[in-house]
Amino acid sequence: ETLNAAEWVDEKNKGFIKEGVNADFVLYKKNPLTDLDNLKTIKGIYFNHNWLNEREIGNNLKKLEQ
């Protein structure tokens, strides 16, 4: 939960997923709370009103490596 962090930096409209609020989040294939290696199983990222799927994430990472 990121609600406490959002409140700490005075962002009242962030920190949770609900209709009408701003939400940036990472979607995982496997639960990272059960095994930290699952942090490597990113299915997609939603941020700043944009969705990046696995292919787009991979392409962006390749560009960063160059």
C-alpha atoms as a PDB file:
ATOM      1  CA  GLU A   1       0.000   0.000   0.000  1.00  0.00           C
ATOM      2  CA  THR A   2       1.355   3.405  -0.950  1.00  0.00           C
ATOM      3  CA  LEU A   3      -1.381   5.440   0.663  1.00  0.00           C
ATOM      4  CA  ASN A   4       0.738   6.412   3.659  1.00  0.00           C
ATOM      5  CA  ALA A   5       3.593   7.533   1.406  1.00  0.00           C
ATOM      6  CA  ALA A   6       1.208   9.645  -0.675  1.00  0.00           C
ATOM      7  CA  GLU A   7      -0.233  11.277   2.429  1.00  0.00           C
ATOM      8  CA  TRP A   8       3.277  11.927   3.751  1.00  0.00           C
ATOM      9  CA  VAL A   9       4.121  13.983   0.646  1.00  0.00           C
ATOM     10  CA  ASP A  10       0.682  15.653   0.760  1.00  0.00           C
ATOM     11  CA  GLU A  11      -0.718  13.913  -2.355  1.00  0.00           C
ATOM     12  CA  LYS A  12      -4.333  13.297  -1.360  1.00  0.00           C
ATOM     13  CA  ASN A  13      -5.386  11.912  -4.768  1.00  0.00           C
ATOM     14  CA  LYS A  14      -2.734   9.174  -4.995  1.00  0.00           C
ATOM     15  CA  GLY A  15      -1.701   5.990  -3.224  1.00  0.00           C
ATOM     16  CA  PHE A  16      -4.626   3.712  -4.016  1.00  0.00           C
ATOM     17  CA  ILE A  17      -6.578   2.419  -7.002  1.00  0.00           C
ATOM     18  CA  LYS A  18     -10.095   3.787  -7.199  1.00  0.00           C
ATOM     19  CA  GLU A  19     -12.176   5.501  -9.852  1.00  0.00           C
ATOM     20  CA  GLY A  20     -11.353   9.199 -10.055  1.00  0.00           C
ATOM     21  CA  VAL A  21      -7.879   9.092  -8.512  1.00  0.00           C
ATOM     22  CA  ASN A  22      -4.447   9.179 -10.129  1.00  0.00           C
ATOM     23  CA  ALA A  23      -2.768   5.774 -10.095  1.00  0.00           C
ATOM     24  CA  ASP A  24       0.619   4.582 -11.302  1.00  0.00           C
ATOM     25  CA  PHE A  25       1.225   0.878 -10.803  1.00  0.00           C
ATOM     26  CA  VAL A  26       3.168  -2.205 -11.865  1.00  0.00           C
ATOM     27  CA  LEU A  27       1.332  -5.413 -12.756  1.00  0.00           C
ATOM     28  CA  TYR A  28       3.260  -8.628 -11.986  1.00  0.00           C
ATOM     29  CA  LYS A  29       2.725 -12.168 -13.318  1.00  0.00           C
ATOM     30  CA  LYS A  30       3.599 -13.574  -9.890  1.00  0.00           C
ATOM     31  CA  ASN A  31       3.137 -12.189  -6.397  1.00  0.00           C
ATOM     32  CA  PRO A  32       6.319 -10.370  -5.269  1.00  0.00           C
ATOM     33  CA  LEU A  33       5.174 -10.620  -1.655  1.00  0.00           C
ATOM     34  CA  THR A  34       5.677 -14.398  -1.703  1.00  0.00           C
ATOM     35  CA  ASP A  35       9.103 -14.298  -3.388  1.00  0.00           C
ATOM     36  CA  LEU A  36      11.181 -11.211  -4.159  1.00  0.00           C
ATOM     37  CA  ASP A  37      12.420 -12.834  -7.383  1.00  0.00           C
ATOM     38  CA  ASN A  38       8.890 -12.280  -8.662  1.00  0.00           C
ATOM     39  CA  LEU A  39       9.756  -8.578  -8.935  1.00  0.00           C
ATOM     40  CA  LYS A  40      11.354  -9.629 -12.231  1.00  0.00           C
ATOM     41  CA  THR A  41       8.011 -10.868 -13.642  1.00  0.00           C
ATOM     42  CA  ILE A  42       6.608  -7.534 -14.796  1.00  0.00           C
ATOM     43  CA  LYS A  43       3.538  -7.915 -17.003  1.00  0.00           C
ATOM     44  CA  GLY A  44       2.955  -4.201 -17.531  1.00  0.00           C
ATOM     45  CA  ILE A  45       3.368  -0.717 -16.126  1.00  0.00           C
ATOM     46  CA  TYR A  46       0.735   2.012 -15.986  1.00  0.00           C
ATOM     47  CA  PHE A  47       2.009   5.516 -15.355  1.00  0.00           C
ATOM     48  CA  ASN A  48       1.051   9.050 -16.265  1.00  0.00           C
ATOM     49  CA  HIS A  49      -2.050   7.757 -18.121  1.00  0.00           C
ATOM     50  CA  ASN A  50       0.066   5.383 -20.281  1.00  0.00           C
ATOM     51  CA  TRP A  51       0.148   1.581 -20.369  1.00  0.00           C
ATOM     52  CA  LEU A  52       3.390  -0.222 -21.283  1.00  0.00           C
ATOM     53  CA  ASN A  53       3.101  -3.935 -22.013  1.00  0.00           C
ATOM     54  CA  GLU A  54       5.921  -6.499 -21.735  1.00  0.00           C
ATOM     55  CA  ARG A  55       7.112  -5.953 -25.302  1.00  0.00           C
ATOM     56  CA  GLU A  56       7.262  -2.177 -24.921  1.00  0.00           C
ATOM     57  CA  ILE A  57       9.092  -2.485 -21.611  1.00  0.00           C
ATOM     58  CA  GLY A  58      11.636  -4.833 -23.223  1.00  0.00           C
ATOM     59  CA  ASN A  59      12.143  -2.475 -26.168  1.00  0.00           C
ATOM     60  CA  ASN A  60      12.684   0.490 -23.850  1.00  0.00           C
ATOM     61  CA  LEU A  61      15.178  -1.466 -21.739  1.00  0.00           C
ATOM     62  CA  LYS A  62      17.131  -2.409 -24.888  1.00  0.00           C
ATOM     63  CA  LYS A  63      17.306   1.257 -25.898  1.00  0.00           C
ATOM     64  CA  LEU A  64      18.630   2.167 -22.446  1.00  0.00           C
ATOM     65  CA  GLU A  65      21.357  -0.464 -22.730  1.00  0.00           C
ATOM     66  CA  GLN A  66      22.772   1.174 -25.890  1.00  0.00           C
END
